[in-house]
Protein backbone atom coordinates (compact mmCIF):
# COMPACT_ATOMS: atom_id res chain seq x y z
CA GLU A 1 -12.88 -33.28 -20.16
CA VAL A 2 -13.60 -29.31 -19.73
CA HIS A 3 -14.57 -29.03 -15.77
CA HIS A 4 -14.68 -25.13 -14.48
CA SER A 5 -16.11 -22.73 -12.25
CA LEU A 6 -15.58 -19.53 -14.40
CA GLY A 7 -19.13 -18.30 -14.24
CA LEU A 8 -19.54 -15.39 -16.53
CA PHE A 9 -16.39 -16.58 -18.78
CA GLY A 10 -17.35 -20.15 -18.61
CA HIS A 11 -17.96 -19.81 -22.54
CA THR A 12 -13.72 -19.11 -23.10
CA TRP A 13 -13.40 -22.77 -23.02
CA SER A 14 -14.05 -22.59 -26.59
CA LEU A 15 -11.64 -20.21 -27.29
CA ALA A 16 -9.32 -22.13 -25.50
CA LEU A 17 -9.75 -24.87 -28.13
CA GLU A 18 -9.40 -22.47 -30.89
CA GLU A 19 -5.96 -21.58 -29.41
CA GLN A 20 -5.01 -25.24 -29.50
CA PHE A 21 -5.99 -25.36 -32.80
CA TYR A 22 -4.20 -22.56 -34.22
CA ILE A 23 -1.06 -23.10 -32.69
CA LEU A 24 -0.51 -27.18 -33.38
CA PHE A 25 -2.77 -27.71 -36.31
CA PRO A 26 -0.62 -25.14 -38.98
CA ALA A 27 2.46 -27.24 -38.03
CA ILE A 28 0.73 -30.28 -39.12
CA PHE A 29 -0.53 -29.00 -42.08
CA LEU A 30 2.73 -28.21 -42.88
CA ILE A 31 3.79 -31.52 -42.43
CA LEU A 32 1.41 -33.25 -44.10
CA SER A 33 1.15 -31.20 -47.31
CA ARG A 34 5.29 -31.79 -48.03
CA THR A 35 4.55 -35.48 -47.85
CA MET A 36 0.77 -35.89 -49.20
CA SER A 37 -0.78 -34.43 -51.91
CA ARG A 38 -3.73 -31.65 -51.31
CA LEU A 39 -6.69 -33.96 -52.10
CA ASN A 40 -5.36 -37.24 -49.73
CA VAL A 41 -4.75 -34.40 -46.85
CA ALA A 42 -8.33 -33.51 -47.64
CA ARG A 43 -9.40 -37.02 -47.64
CA LEU A 44 -7.62 -37.68 -44.22
CA LEU A 45 -9.01 -34.72 -42.81
CA PHE A 46 -12.70 -35.59 -43.68
CA LEU A 47 -11.73 -38.78 -42.06
CA ALA A 48 -11.02 -37.30 -38.90
CA ALA A 49 -13.84 -35.05 -38.91
CA ALA A 50 -16.26 -38.25 -39.66
CA ALA A 51 -14.77 -39.77 -36.69
CA GLU A 52 -14.95 -36.98 -34.67
CA LEU A 53 -18.63 -36.17 -35.54
CA LEU A 54 -19.79 -39.62 -34.84
CA TYR A 55 -17.78 -39.43 -31.32
CA ARG A 56 -20.63 -37.69 -29.62
CA PRO A 57 -23.56 -39.84 -30.45
CA VAL A 58 -21.53 -43.07 -29.82
CA LEU A 59 -20.95 -41.26 -26.36
CA ILE A 60 -25.02 -41.28 -26.33
CA ILE A 61 -25.70 -44.04 -27.37
CA SER A 62 -23.10 -46.06 -25.03
CA GLY A 63 -24.58 -44.05 -21.64
CA GLN A 64 -21.36 -41.91 -21.33
CA PRO A 65 -22.44 -38.65 -18.94
CA LEU A 66 -23.14 -35.75 -21.60
CA GLY A 67 -23.08 -32.24 -20.15
CA HIS A 68 -19.46 -30.96 -20.73
CA PHE A 69 -18.03 -34.15 -21.69
CA ALA A 70 -20.06 -34.80 -24.53
CA ASN A 71 -20.35 -31.02 -25.72
CA ASN A 72 -16.92 -29.29 -24.31
CA HIS A 73 -14.47 -31.82 -24.56
CA ASP A 74 -11.56 -31.08 -26.90
CA ILE A 75 -11.97 -34.43 -28.79
CA ALA A 76 -15.68 -33.89 -29.21
CA GLY A 77 -15.18 -30.04 -30.20
CA LEU A 78 -12.71 -30.72 -33.15
CA GLY A 79 -15.38 -31.49 -35.77
CA GLY A 80 -16.26 -28.16 -37.47
CA LEU A 81 -12.44 -26.90 -37.18
CA LEU A 82 -11.42 -30.42 -38.87
CA LEU A 83 -14.36 -30.45 -41.48
CA GLY A 84 -13.62 -26.89 -42.28
CA SER A 85 -9.70 -27.50 -42.67
CA ALA A 86 -10.45 -30.93 -45.12
CA LEU A 87 -12.86 -28.36 -47.06
CA ALA A 88 -10.20 -25.83 -48.10
CA PHE A 89 -7.78 -28.72 -48.74
CA TRP A 90 -10.27 -30.41 -50.93
CA LEU A 91 -11.46 -27.01 -52.43
CA ALA A 92 -7.65 -26.30 -53.12
CA SER A 93 -6.90 -29.41 -54.73
CA PRO A 94 -6.60 -29.41 -58.48
CA ASP A 95 -7.51 -33.01 -58.75
CA ARG A 96 -10.71 -32.67 -57.08
CA TYR A 97 -13.92 -34.46 -57.76
CA ARG A 98 -16.17 -31.41 -58.56
CA PRO A 99 -19.86 -32.74 -57.46
CA ARG A 100 -23.19 -31.31 -59.98
CA ASP A 101 -23.58 -27.87 -59.00
CA SER A 102 -27.74 -28.75 -58.91
CA ILE A 103 -26.23 -31.23 -55.75
CA VAL A 104 -24.16 -28.79 -54.20
CA HIS A 105 -27.49 -26.48 -54.18
CA VAL A 106 -29.32 -29.80 -52.65
CA VAL A 107 -27.30 -30.23 -49.68
CA ALA A 108 -26.74 -26.83 -49.21
CA GLY A 109 -30.72 -26.16 -48.89
CA ILE A 110 -30.97 -28.90 -46.53
CA GLY A 111 -28.23 -27.46 -44.37
CA VAL A 112 -29.94 -24.37 -44.30
CA VAL A 113 -33.22 -26.31 -42.75
CA ALA A 114 -31.00 -27.85 -40.46
CA ILE A 115 -29.69 -24.78 -39.22
CA ILE A 116 -32.89 -22.98 -39.04
CA LEU A 117 -34.04 -25.86 -37.00
CA VAL A 118 -31.11 -25.80 -34.71
CA VAL A 119 -32.13 -22.29 -33.57
CA PHE A 120 -35.72 -22.69 -33.39
CA VAL A 121 -36.69 -26.41 -32.52
CA ALA A 122 -34.24 -28.02 -30.73
CA ASP A 123 -34.42 -28.20 -26.81
CA GLN A 124 -31.67 -27.67 -24.80
CA THR A 125 -31.05 -30.76 -23.06
CA PRO A 126 -27.35 -32.46 -22.86
CA THR A 127 -28.76 -35.10 -25.44
CA ASP A 128 -30.67 -33.26 -27.79
CA THR A 129 -27.56 -30.36 -27.83
CA ALA A 130 -24.61 -33.23 -28.51
CA ILE A 131 -26.77 -34.22 -31.38
CA TRP A 132 -27.03 -30.76 -32.77
CA TYR A 133 -23.72 -30.18 -32.60
CA SER A 134 -22.97 -32.87 -34.83
CA VAL A 135 -25.48 -31.44 -37.65
CA VAL A 136 -24.33 -28.07 -37.39
CA PRO A 137 -20.70 -28.68 -38.97
CA LEU A 138 -22.30 -30.46 -41.38
CA ALA A 139 -24.52 -27.77 -42.35
CA SER A 140 -22.45 -25.05 -42.10
CA ALA A 141 -19.82 -26.71 -44.67
CA ALA A 142 -22.66 -27.53 -47.34
CA ILE A 143 -23.46 -24.13 -47.24
CA LEU A 144 -19.70 -23.06 -47.41
CA LEU A 145 -19.32 -25.14 -50.33
CA ASP A 146 -22.13 -23.83 -52.07
CA GLN A 147 -21.14 -20.20 -51.92
CA VAL A 148 -17.44 -20.89 -52.97
CA THR A 149 -17.99 -23.16 -55.80
CA SER A 150 -21.56 -22.16 -57.42
CA PRO A 151 -23.20 -19.70 -55.00
CA GLN A 152 -26.85 -19.51 -55.30
CA ARG A 153 -28.39 -16.47 -55.96
CA TRP A 154 -30.88 -16.13 -53.10
CA MET A 155 -28.48 -17.44 -50.56
CA ALA A 156 -25.74 -14.84 -51.75
CA ARG A 157 -28.30 -12.33 -51.15
CA VAL A 158 -29.02 -13.24 -47.90
CA LEU A 159 -25.43 -13.71 -46.87
CA THR A 160 -24.41 -10.17 -48.62
CA PHE A 161 -27.28 -8.20 -46.84
CA ALA A 162 -25.88 -5.49 -45.42
CA PRO A 163 -27.43 -6.28 -41.63
CA ALA A 164 -26.22 -9.66 -42.28
CA ILE A 165 -22.62 -8.48 -42.94
CA TRP A 166 -22.81 -5.85 -40.19
CA ILE A 167 -23.66 -9.22 -37.69
CA GLY A 168 -21.16 -11.30 -39.21
CA ARG A 169 -18.44 -8.90 -38.76
CA ARG A 170 -18.93 -8.14 -35.21
CA SER A 171 -20.16 -12.09 -34.59
CA TYR A 172 -16.86 -12.93 -32.52
CA GLY A 173 -17.83 -9.91 -30.46
CA LEU A 174 -21.55 -11.05 -29.90
CA TYR A 175 -20.06 -14.51 -28.88
CA LEU A 176 -17.56 -12.78 -26.31
CA TRP A 177 -19.60 -10.78 -24.52
CA HIS A 178 -23.28 -11.81 -24.98
CA TYR A 179 -22.73 -14.67 -22.50
CA PRO A 180 -21.46 -12.26 -19.08
CA ILE A 181 -24.31 -9.77 -19.95
CA TYR A 182 -27.11 -12.94 -19.84
CA TYR A 183 -25.38 -14.22 -17.21
CA THR A 184 -25.48 -11.26 -15.23
CA ILE A 185 -28.62 -10.17 -15.89
CA LEU A 186 -30.70 -12.82 -16.13
CA TRP A 187 -28.77 -16.55 -15.29
CA THR A 188 -27.53 -15.35 -11.55
CA LYS A 189 -31.07 -15.05 -9.87
CA PRO A 190 -34.76 -16.17 -9.38
CA ALA A 191 -36.72 -15.47 -12.41
CA PRO A 192 -38.09 -12.52 -12.29
CA SER A 193 -41.78 -11.12 -13.42
CA ASN A 194 -40.47 -9.01 -16.04
CA THR A 195 -38.10 -11.59 -17.42
CA ALA A 196 -39.02 -11.04 -20.96
CA LEU A 197 -38.15 -7.26 -21.03
CA LEU A 198 -34.81 -7.95 -19.51
CA GLN A 199 -34.28 -10.65 -21.85
CA ILE A 200 -34.94 -7.85 -24.49
CA GLY A 201 -32.53 -5.61 -22.42
CA ALA A 202 -29.30 -8.20 -22.66
CA PHE A 203 -30.14 -8.91 -26.09
CA VAL A 204 -29.78 -4.93 -27.03
CA LEU A 205 -26.65 -4.40 -24.67
CA SER A 206 -25.07 -7.55 -26.53
CA PHE A 207 -25.41 -5.77 -29.82
CA GLY A 208 -24.33 -2.39 -28.12
CA VAL A 209 -21.13 -3.79 -26.48
CA ALA A 210 -20.35 -5.91 -29.14
CA ALA A 211 -20.35 -2.81 -31.57
CA VAL A 212 -18.13 -0.56 -29.26
CA SER A 213 -15.61 -3.50 -28.86
CA TYR A 214 -15.51 -4.29 -32.33
CA ALA A 215 -14.68 -0.22 -32.85
CA VAL A 216 -12.56 0.12 -30.45
CA ILE A 217 -10.95 -3.27 -29.70
CA GLU A 218 -11.00 -5.02 -33.12
CA LYS A 219 -10.38 -2.81 -35.58
CA PRO A 220 -7.23 -1.64 -34.57
CA ALA A 221 -6.31 -5.18 -33.88
CA LEU A 222 -7.10 -5.67 -37.50
CA ARG A 223 -5.16 -2.48 -38.44
CA LEU A 224 -1.96 -3.91 -37.19
CA LYS A 225 -2.32 -7.39 -38.59
CA ASN A 226 -2.42 -6.11 -41.93
CA ARG A 227 0.50 -3.70 -40.72
CA PHE A 228 2.78 -6.79 -39.54
CA GLU A 229 1.32 -8.99 -42.62
């Protein structure tokens, strides 16, 4: 279970989880892909992802304490990574079953609606957040499957819209920098009378800092990665 007092760096628990994935899973995938077909690896990973995505709701039903345990636990945070890996192996399998495009389109549309609900409707209570954390990976996987196999034109236009691409390329920086900015401006002091103005300021500042970070840190790092690829 994740317990920390990192303050404005509290969100870096998720980066630690990703680093564990990047270190351990390539070796596991190498072993699996040498002993099993890609399709069977995909099936195994789908089963693991399903077990993980059910794990959090089971915790809620069983009355386990939520908060960090249900949302930030190592096991309870692997669903999206496992599901994405399973989808990658499945798409790379030459003998996979291909569902009809119409079915994929409908499921992807449901995924879009689910993500919109999460952004605009979902409450931020521990129970509600834990449930939505199990929905978002499924919705994202459906959208990815749609765009990789038979992209719907309207969805492709939204995802290739220039502002969306700009945000996507800086999304890592937005995630990394927005939390300390909001923490410093809004969350460490009693609610001021001009909260709305401070929220707008924090929003704009997050984008500004992320843009600078992308230009000064991330782009040079990406060039180095390409050089030593």
